[in-house]
Amino acid sequence: MLTRIDLRGRGVDPRRLLPRAQLDVSAAIERVRPLVEDVRAHGFAAIRAATERFDGVRLERLRVPAEALAAAERALDPAVRDALRETIARVRRVHADQRPVEATTEVVPGGTVTHRWVPVGRVGLYVPGGLAVYPSTVVMNVVPAQLAGVGSLAVTSPPQPETGLPDARVLATCALLGVDEVYAVGGAQAVAMFAYGSTGADEADACPPVDMVTGPGNIWVTAAKRLLRGVVGIDAEAGPTEIAILADDTADPRHVAADLISQAEHDPLAASVLVTPSEALVDAVDAELRRQVPAAKHAERITQALTGAQSGAVIVDDLAAGLAVVDAYAAEHLEIQTADARDLAMRVRNAGAIFVGPYSPVSLGDYCAGSNHVLPTGGCARHSSGLSVRTFLRAVQVVDYDAAALRGVAGHVRTLAEAEDLPAHGQAVAVRFEP
């Protein structure tokens, strides 16, 4: 089932040969630009028109009523409530250790620089609602923002045609987390609403602008985030989900196949990539895929993803070559299913999250590992990190010098100012010591 890419004996840069979903975000920007400008100019009226066009829902209000949040929490299946509470507890435990410590450095006597961490004031959190709904994404966005100390949190998620509200499990999760500002808006119009703010059906329904937008979404959400970057901060441009598995002959082909399927289930554009020096393992995984895929609920979607250009089996000379391939690929999710998996995992440089050994599947990280599942895609793990407490913090430097400390370095400041032909910079120091 998997297309095979044989890199054995080929000393080439693997990045040009590896499978990857192709998304033209630049073209999508031009498609969403008029909508974004319409929301900026007309607020609620533009959002309502776009929601009716794209979601088949005519909004009476943007904001979800408090009673709807409470009702969704009351109606939540007890088993789902218990699972969400456990997920929240584990994510809080892990993310509580991520907040950096303020540091003050005494550069000279009387001269200090303090490195402060200050939370973003207001954040808009986007939760997808397309082929699947993601109450877990509410947890992954809200918990680190709360632990960072963000003072104002708003969640938005597309309305469902049956109710005109976001999915009830999303609403219930907001309630469990104490988030009461929730909007029934999806797509590019939601990002524009957060970036510019929007009028509502009345004053209580209006959405104030935010300082930052986080959370994954489809290509239209991604395009709007790229377009509005600078107007508002963003976490990342999330593309289709992806999994890479580096495996050897010790891997169980049933596990490998099941894990490839688990990510293919998300979307026809999801990427599932196996990297191995074992052709026998590829044969065994293919056999398992032929057995497991037809039994899956979303078999058609999974088949599209596994047979698409973004998925495949990459055969390499050895595990060292496999490590080079997965570093070049920089997967959102990377599983290591090899002998000495922990040692190999600690040598990986580029991945959103790494899952070690046969009992750490990606689906554990999607829900209950305590890690965050909002991760860089499309190779962005080479330079970017997943969502964390630090996403919602800004570093602010506080410079505090007294007269003696400034006098001691004044000559150097004036010399550098003259070297850069900015004499007023030097004068701003000198004037403090003139009679």
Protein backbone atom coordinates (compact mmCIF):
# COMPACT_ATOMS: atom_id res chain seq x y z
CA MET A 1 0.00 0.00 0.00
CA LEU A 2 2.88 2.39 0.75
CA THR A 3 4.85 3.87 -2.13
CA ARG A 4 8.49 2.85 -1.73
CA ILE A 5 11.41 5.27 -1.96
CA ASP A 6 14.74 3.44 -2.02
CA LEU A 7 17.60 5.65 -0.80
CA ARG A 8 20.10 2.84 -0.33
CA GLY A 9 23.47 3.72 -1.78
CA ARG A 10 22.38 7.25 -2.74
CA GLY A 11 24.44 10.10 -1.30
CA VAL A 12 21.91 12.87 -1.96
CA ASP A 13 20.07 15.40 0.14
CA PRO A 14 16.96 13.41 1.13
CA ARG A 15 14.76 16.50 1.54
CA ARG A 16 14.13 16.68 -2.22
CA LEU A 17 13.06 13.04 -2.35
CA LEU A 18 10.90 12.63 0.75
CA PRO A 19 7.10 12.63 0.51
CA ARG A 20 5.34 15.76 1.70
CA ALA A 21 1.85 17.21 1.37
CA GLN A 22 1.79 20.10 -1.10
CA LEU A 23 -0.22 23.10 0.03
CA ASP A 24 -0.21 26.44 -1.76
CA VAL A 25 -0.79 28.77 1.18
CA SER A 26 0.20 31.80 -0.91
CA ALA A 27 -2.64 31.14 -3.35
CA ALA A 28 -5.03 30.58 -0.44
CA ILE A 29 -4.07 33.99 0.98
CA GLU A 30 -5.43 35.72 -2.10
CA ARG A 31 -8.66 33.77 -1.72
CA VAL A 32 -9.14 34.78 1.92
CA ARG A 33 -7.89 38.37 1.64
CA PRO A 34 -11.30 39.82 0.59
CA LEU A 35 -13.04 37.96 3.40
CA VAL A 36 -10.54 39.20 5.97
CA GLU A 37 -10.92 42.79 4.76
CA ASP A 38 -14.69 42.41 4.83
CA VAL A 39 -14.56 41.33 8.49
CA ARG A 40 -12.28 44.26 9.28
CA ALA A 41 -14.70 46.71 7.67
CA HIS A 42 -18.08 45.22 8.57
CA GLY A 43 -17.58 42.98 11.60
CA PHE A 44 -20.59 40.89 12.56
CA ALA A 45 -22.38 41.28 9.22
CA ALA A 46 -19.36 39.92 7.32
CA ILE A 47 -18.82 37.07 9.76
CA ARG A 48 -22.48 36.08 9.59
CA ALA A 49 -22.44 36.11 5.76
CA ALA A 50 -19.25 34.01 5.62
CA THR A 51 -20.55 31.54 8.19
CA GLU A 52 -23.78 31.06 6.27
CA ARG A 53 -21.84 30.56 3.05
CA PHE A 54 -19.19 28.15 4.32
CA ASP A 55 -20.81 26.41 7.30
CA GLY A 56 -24.48 26.52 6.33
CA VAL A 57 -25.34 28.28 9.59
CA ARG A 58 -26.97 31.68 9.99
CA LEU A 59 -25.63 33.12 13.22
CA GLU A 60 -27.90 35.12 15.46
CA ARG A 61 -25.04 35.80 17.86
CA LEU A 62 -21.26 35.31 17.78
CA ARG A 63 -20.80 34.36 21.41
CA VAL A 64 -21.97 31.07 22.87
CA PRO A 65 -24.42 31.69 25.76
CA ALA A 66 -23.23 30.75 29.24
CA GLU A 67 -26.18 28.39 29.64
CA ALA A 68 -25.12 26.46 26.54
CA LEU A 69 -21.65 25.92 28.02
CA ALA A 70 -23.11 24.73 31.31
CA ALA A 71 -25.62 22.46 29.56
CA ALA A 72 -22.87 20.88 27.45
CA GLU A 73 -20.80 20.15 30.55
CA ARG A 74 -23.80 18.60 32.34
CA ALA A 75 -24.61 16.41 29.34
CA LEU A 76 -21.05 15.20 28.80
CA ASP A 77 -20.62 11.44 28.85
CA PRO A 78 -19.11 10.54 32.25
CA ALA A 79 -16.36 8.46 30.66
CA VAL A 80 -15.41 11.36 28.37
CA ARG A 81 -15.47 13.74 31.35
CA ASP A 82 -13.12 11.46 33.31
CA ALA A 83 -10.76 11.14 30.32
CA LEU A 84 -10.70 14.91 29.80
CA ARG A 85 -10.04 15.56 33.48
CA GLU A 86 -7.13 13.12 33.43
CA THR A 87 -5.78 14.76 30.27
CA ILE A 88 -6.10 18.22 31.83
CA ALA A 89 -4.29 17.06 34.98
CA ARG A 90 -1.40 15.52 33.03
CA VAL A 91 -1.01 18.46 30.66
CA ARG A 92 -0.99 20.83 33.64
CA ARG A 93 1.66 18.73 35.38
CA VAL A 94 4.00 18.79 32.39
CA HIS A 95 3.40 22.41 31.40
CA ALA A 96 3.79 23.71 34.97
CA ASP A 97 7.50 22.93 34.67
CA GLN A 98 7.90 24.98 31.48
CA ARG A 99 7.68 28.50 32.86
CA PRO A 100 11.14 30.12 32.73
CA VAL A 101 12.65 31.86 35.71
CA GLU A 102 13.27 35.61 35.83
CA ALA A 103 17.00 36.38 35.93
CA THR A 104 18.87 39.52 36.99
CA THR A 105 22.51 39.92 35.93
CA GLU A 106 24.78 42.42 37.65
CA VAL A 107 26.88 43.61 34.71
CA VAL A 108 28.88 46.00 36.91
CA PRO A 109 28.29 47.35 40.42
CA GLY A 110 25.21 49.57 40.08
CA GLY A 111 24.31 48.24 36.64
CA THR A 112 21.88 45.36 36.13
CA VAL A 113 19.83 43.80 33.34
CA THR A 114 16.77 41.80 34.35
CA HIS A 115 15.23 39.30 31.96
CA ARG A 116 11.51 39.28 32.75
CA TRP A 117 8.86 36.96 31.30
CA VAL A 118 5.53 38.70 30.76
CA PRO A 119 2.37 36.92 29.56
CA VAL A 120 0.50 38.04 26.47
CA GLY A 121 -2.51 40.11 27.53
CA ARG A 122 -5.25 38.51 25.46
CA VAL A 123 -5.21 35.35 23.32
CA GLY A 124 -7.65 33.88 20.81
CA LEU A 125 -7.58 30.08 20.67
CA TYR A 126 -8.80 28.34 17.52
CA VAL A 127 -10.27 24.83 17.73
CA PRO A 128 -10.97 23.02 14.42
CA GLY A 129 -14.32 21.45 13.64
CA GLY A 130 -14.09 19.92 10.16
CA LEU A 131 -13.76 16.19 9.46
CA ALA A 132 -13.34 15.65 13.20
CA VAL A 133 -13.89 17.66 16.37
CA TYR A 134 -11.15 18.21 18.90
CA PRO A 135 -12.02 18.79 22.55
CA SER A 136 -8.44 17.69 23.28
CA THR A 137 -7.18 20.72 21.32
CA VAL A 138 -9.07 22.96 23.75
CA VAL A 139 -6.97 21.45 26.54
CA MET A 140 -3.71 21.78 24.61
CA ASN A 141 -4.32 25.48 23.88
CA VAL A 142 -5.95 26.62 27.11
CA VAL A 143 -3.78 24.95 29.76
CA PRO A 144 -0.41 26.46 28.74
CA ALA A 145 -2.04 29.88 28.27
CA GLN A 146 -3.55 29.70 31.75
CA LEU A 147 -0.25 28.56 33.29
CA ALA A 148 1.56 31.40 31.51
CA GLY A 149 -0.78 33.83 33.26
CA VAL A 150 -2.68 35.11 30.22
CA GLY A 151 -5.37 37.35 31.62
CA SER A 152 -7.98 37.06 28.87
CA LEU A 153 -8.72 33.87 26.92
CA ALA A 154 -11.26 33.44 24.13
CA VAL A 155 -11.98 30.21 22.25
CA THR A 156 -13.61 29.95 18.84
CA SER A 157 -14.73 26.88 16.91
CA PRO A 158 -16.95 26.41 13.84
CA PRO A 159 -20.70 26.07 14.45
CA GLN A 160 -22.30 22.74 13.66
CA PRO A 161 -25.27 22.85 11.23
CA GLU A 162 -27.50 20.89 13.61
CA THR A 163 -27.18 23.29 16.55
CA GLY A 164 -25.62 26.50 15.29
CA LEU A 165 -23.05 26.10 18.08
CA PRO A 166 -19.60 24.51 18.26
CA ASP A 167 -19.53 20.80 19.01
CA ALA A 168 -20.93 20.08 22.46
CA ARG A 169 -17.73 18.27 23.55
CA VAL A 170 -15.70 21.37 22.71
CA LEU A 171 -18.11 23.50 24.73
CA ALA A 172 -18.02 21.08 27.66
CA THR A 173 -14.23 21.12 27.70
CA CYS A 174 -14.24 24.93 27.78
CA ALA A 175 -16.54 24.72 30.79
CA LEU A 176 -14.30 22.19 32.53
CA LEU A 177 -11.37 24.58 32.07
CA GLY A 178 -13.27 27.63 33.25
CA VAL A 179 -13.30 29.36 29.86
CA ASP A 180 -16.55 31.29 29.44
CA GLU A 181 -15.74 33.42 26.37
CA VAL A 182 -16.46 31.12 23.43
CA TYR A 183 -17.49 32.04 19.87
CA ALA A 184 -19.31 30.01 17.22
CA VAL A 185 -17.08 31.12 14.37
CA GLY A 186 -14.67 29.12 12.21
CA GLY A 187 -12.39 29.51 9.22
CA ALA A 188 -10.58 32.62 8.07
CA GLN A 189 -13.37 34.80 9.42
CA ALA A 190 -12.56 33.59 12.95
CA VAL A 191 -8.91 34.59 12.64
CA ALA A 192 -9.94 37.99 11.26
CA MET A 193 -12.44 38.42 14.11
CA PHE A 194 -9.68 37.83 16.64
CA ALA A 195 -7.15 40.02 14.85
CA TYR A 196 -9.35 43.07 14.31
CA GLY A 197 -12.11 42.52 16.83
CA SER A 198 -15.73 42.54 15.74
CA THR A 199 -19.09 43.98 16.48
CA GLY A 200 -21.76 41.50 17.51
CA ALA A 201 -25.51 41.27 17.61
CA ASP A 202 -25.29 43.73 20.51
CA GLU A 203 -22.59 45.20 22.74
CA ALA A 204 -22.38 42.08 24.93
CA ASP A 205 -21.85 39.96 21.81
CA ALA A 206 -18.86 41.92 20.46
CA CYS A 207 -15.40 40.33 20.34
CA PRO A 208 -12.50 42.57 21.41
CA PRO A 209 -9.27 42.10 19.41
CA VAL A 210 -6.59 39.78 20.76
CA ASP A 211 -2.81 40.04 20.89
CA MET A 212 -2.16 36.50 19.65
CA VAL A 213 -3.96 33.68 17.83
CA THR A 214 -3.03 30.04 18.43
CA GLY A 215 -4.35 26.66 17.38
CA PRO A 216 -4.41 24.49 14.25
CA GLY A 217 -6.85 24.74 11.36
CA ASN A 218 -7.36 24.03 7.68
CA ILE A 219 -5.56 25.79 4.82
CA TRP A 220 -7.94 28.79 5.00
CA VAL A 221 -7.20 29.27 8.69
CA THR A 222 -3.47 28.91 7.97
CA ALA A 223 -3.69 31.44 5.12
CA ALA A 224 -5.51 33.94 7.34
CA LYS A 225 -2.89 33.50 10.08
CA ARG A 226 -0.08 34.18 7.60
CA LEU A 227 -1.92 37.19 6.16
CA LEU A 228 -2.57 38.70 9.57
CA ARG A 229 0.79 37.96 11.13
CA GLY A 230 2.04 41.31 12.35
CA VAL A 231 -1.46 42.62 12.98
CA VAL A 232 -1.62 39.84 15.55
CA GLY A 233 0.90 37.31 16.83
CA ILE A 234 0.52 33.67 15.79
CA ASP A 235 1.93 30.43 17.11
CA ALA A 236 2.63 28.69 13.78
CA GLU A 237 1.15 27.79 10.40
CA ALA A 238 -0.26 24.32 10.93
CA GLY A 239 -0.49 22.06 7.88
CA PRO A 240 -1.89 18.53 7.57
CA THR A 241 -0.79 16.19 10.34
CA GLU A 242 2.18 13.90 9.78
CA ILE A 243 3.88 10.93 11.37
CA ALA A 244 7.30 9.46 10.62
CA ILE A 245 8.34 6.14 12.11
CA LEU A 246 12.00 5.12 12.25
CA ALA A 247 11.97 1.36 12.74
CA ASP A 248 14.15 -1.70 12.43
CA ASP A 249 13.53 -5.46 12.50
CA THR A 250 12.68 -5.35 16.20
CA ALA A 251 9.51 -3.34 15.50
CA ASP A 252 6.15 -5.11 15.54
CA PRO A 253 4.57 -4.52 12.10
CA ARG A 254 1.11 -4.50 13.71
CA HIS A 255 2.11 -1.53 15.86
CA VAL A 256 3.75 0.31 12.97
CA ALA A 257 0.73 -0.17 10.71
CA ALA A 258 -1.72 0.88 13.43
CA ASP A 259 0.27 4.05 14.13
CA LEU A 260 0.49 5.00 10.44
CA ILE A 261 -3.28 4.50 10.21
CA SER A 262 -3.93 6.58 13.32
CA GLN A 263 -2.56 9.73 11.71
CA ALA A 264 -3.97 8.94 8.24
CA GLU A 265 -7.38 8.95 9.92
CA HIS A 266 -7.22 12.73 10.40
CA ASP A 267 -7.35 13.88 6.79
CA PRO A 268 -6.84 12.64 3.20
CA LEU A 269 -3.76 14.93 3.13
CA ALA A 270 -2.28 13.47 6.33
CA ALA A 271 1.25 12.11 5.88
CA SER A 272 2.36 8.68 7.12
CA VAL A 273 6.02 7.87 6.47
CA LEU A 274 7.97 4.77 7.45
CA VAL A 275 11.79 4.98 7.45
CA THR A 276 13.64 1.68 7.82
CA PRO A 277 16.66 -0.31 6.66
CA SER A 278 14.48 -3.44 6.60
CA GLU A 279 12.66 -4.27 3.39
CA ALA A 280 11.15 -7.25 5.21
CA LEU A 281 9.53 -4.85 7.70
CA VAL A 282 8.04 -2.80 4.85
CA ASP A 283 6.55 -6.01 3.41
CA ALA A 284 5.11 -6.97 6.80
CA VAL A 285 3.71 -3.47 7.41
CA ASP A 286 2.08 -3.47 3.97
CA ALA A 287 0.43 -6.79 4.79
CA GLU A 288 -0.84 -5.36 8.09
CA LEU A 289 -2.18 -2.26 6.34
CA ARG A 290 -4.11 -4.42 3.90
CA ARG A 291 -5.58 -6.23 6.89
CA GLN A 292 -6.22 -3.29 9.23
CA VAL A 293 -7.35 -0.49 6.92
CA PRO A 294 -10.58 -2.15 5.65
CA ALA A 295 -11.67 -2.66 9.27
CA ALA A 296 -11.18 1.01 10.17
CA LYS A 297 -14.20 3.33 10.48
CA HIS A 298 -12.65 5.92 8.13
CA ALA A 299 -11.14 3.44 5.68
CA GLU A 300 -11.69 5.62 2.61
CA ARG A 301 -10.01 8.67 4.13
CA ILE A 302 -7.16 6.53 5.47
CA THR A 303 -6.58 4.88 2.10
CA GLN A 304 -6.40 8.27 0.39
CA ALA A 305 -3.82 9.46 2.89
CA LEU A 306 -1.67 6.33 2.81
CA THR A 307 -1.60 6.15 -0.98
CA GLY A 308 -1.14 9.90 -1.50
CA ALA A 309 2.10 11.57 -2.57
CA GLN A 310 2.69 12.70 1.03
CA SER A 311 3.03 9.13 2.40
CA GLY A 312 5.43 6.28 1.74
CA ALA A 313 8.10 3.88 2.95
CA VAL A 314 11.69 5.11 2.75
CA ILE A 315 14.27 2.32 2.66
CA VAL A 316 17.74 3.30 3.88
CA ASP A 317 21.12 1.59 4.27
CA ASP A 318 21.12 1.53 8.07
CA LEU A 319 19.77 3.32 11.13
CA ALA A 320 22.42 6.04 10.91
CA ALA A 321 21.12 6.85 7.43
CA GLY A 322 17.57 6.62 8.76
CA LEU A 323 18.42 9.16 11.46
CA ALA A 324 19.68 11.55 8.78
CA VAL A 325 16.44 11.06 6.84
CA VAL A 326 14.13 11.76 9.78
CA ASP A 327 16.20 14.82 10.72
CA ALA A 328 15.81 16.09 7.15
CA TYR A 329 12.08 15.34 7.19
CA ALA A 330 11.56 17.06 10.58
CA ALA A 331 8.25 15.36 11.32
CA GLU A 332 5.49 16.76 13.45
CA HIS A 333 5.37 13.36 15.20
CA LEU A 334 8.35 10.99 15.14
CA GLU A 335 8.19 7.49 16.56
CA ILE A 336 11.37 5.50 17.23
CA GLN A 337 10.65 1.76 17.18
CA THR A 338 14.14 0.26 17.20
CA ALA A 339 16.54 -1.52 19.51
CA ASP A 340 18.00 1.10 21.89
CA ALA A 341 15.16 3.46 20.94
CA ARG A 342 15.82 5.91 23.77
CA ASP A 343 19.47 6.38 22.77
CA LEU A 344 18.51 6.95 19.14
CA ALA A 345 15.71 9.35 20.11
CA MET A 346 18.14 11.54 22.05
CA ARG A 347 20.23 11.92 18.88
CA VAL A 348 17.31 13.33 16.86
CA ARG A 349 17.58 17.07 16.24
CA ASN A 350 14.44 17.87 14.26
CA ALA A 351 10.96 16.75 15.33
CA GLY A 352 7.92 18.33 16.90
CA ALA A 353 7.61 15.50 19.42
CA ILE A 354 9.44 12.17 19.69
CA PHE A 355 7.75 8.98 20.86
CA VAL A 356 10.12 6.33 22.19
CA GLY A 357 9.65 2.58 21.93
CA PRO A 358 6.66 0.31 21.37
CA TYR A 359 4.52 1.71 24.19
CA SER A 360 4.64 5.43 23.35
CA PRO A 361 2.38 5.76 20.29
CA VAL A 362 1.51 9.18 18.88
CA SER A 363 -2.09 8.77 20.00
CA LEU A 364 -0.84 8.79 23.60
CA GLY A 365 0.60 12.25 22.93
CA ASP A 366 -2.59 13.34 21.21
CA TYR A 367 -4.43 12.90 24.49
CA CYS A 368 -2.92 11.75 27.75
CA ALA A 369 0.90 11.81 27.74
CA GLY A 370 0.98 15.30 29.24
CA SER A 371 2.82 16.67 26.20
CA ASN A 372 1.23 19.16 23.80
CA HIS A 373 -0.20 17.99 20.49
CA VAL A 374 -0.12 21.40 18.75
CA LEU A 375 3.17 20.87 16.89
CA PRO A 376 5.08 22.23 13.87
CA THR A 377 4.32 20.58 10.52
CA GLY A 378 5.68 20.70 6.99
CA GLY A 379 9.33 20.55 8.08
CA CYS A 380 8.99 23.56 10.39
CA ALA A 381 10.32 21.46 13.28
CA ARG A 382 13.77 22.35 11.89
CA HIS A 383 13.31 25.83 13.36
CA SER A 384 10.11 25.94 15.44
CA SER A 385 8.68 24.34 18.57
CA GLY A 386 5.28 23.08 19.57
CA LEU A 387 2.83 24.97 21.73
CA SER A 388 4.02 25.48 25.31
CA VAL A 389 3.83 27.91 28.19
CA ARG A 390 6.60 29.92 26.53
CA THR A 391 4.39 30.47 23.48
CA PHE A 392 2.31 32.81 25.61
CA LEU A 393 5.20 34.67 27.26
CA ARG A 394 7.32 37.59 26.05
CA ALA A 395 10.82 38.32 27.23
CA VAL A 396 11.27 41.91 28.43
CA GLN A 397 14.70 43.27 29.37
CA VAL A 398 14.82 45.77 32.23
CA VAL A 399 18.00 47.90 32.20
CA ASP A 400 18.84 49.63 35.50
CA TYR A 401 22.15 51.59 35.75
CA ASP A 402 23.05 54.21 38.33
CA ALA A 403 25.23 57.28 37.64
CA ALA A 404 28.53 55.61 38.48
CA ALA A 405 27.77 52.56 36.33
CA LEU A 406 26.81 54.74 33.35
CA ARG A 407 29.88 56.99 33.81
CA GLY A 408 32.09 53.91 33.71
CA VAL A 409 30.93 52.92 30.22
CA ALA A 410 30.10 56.36 28.80
CA GLY A 411 33.28 56.58 26.76
CA HIS A 412 32.57 53.28 25.00
CA VAL A 413 29.01 54.34 24.21
CA ARG A 414 30.23 57.62 22.68
CA THR A 415 32.95 55.84 20.69
CA LEU A 416 30.48 53.38 19.18
CA ALA A 417 27.96 56.14 18.49
CA GLU A 418 30.58 58.13 16.58
CA ALA A 419 31.67 54.97 14.69
CA GLU A 420 28.09 54.53 13.50
CA ASP A 421 27.68 58.26 12.74
CA LEU A 422 24.99 58.63 15.36
CA PRO A 423 26.51 61.34 17.54
CA ALA A 424 23.22 62.20 19.26
CA HIS A 425 23.35 58.75 20.83
CA GLY A 426 26.64 59.63 22.50
CA GLN A 427 25.38 63.06 23.49
CA ALA A 428 22.40 61.50 25.25
CA VAL A 429 24.95 59.93 27.63
CA ALA A 430 27.32 62.88 27.84
CA VAL A 431 24.60 65.38 28.76
CA ARG A 432 24.03 63.53 32.02
CA PHE A 433 27.53 64.44 33.23
CA GLU A 434 27.75 68.03 32.01
CA PRO A 435 27.65 70.80 34.63
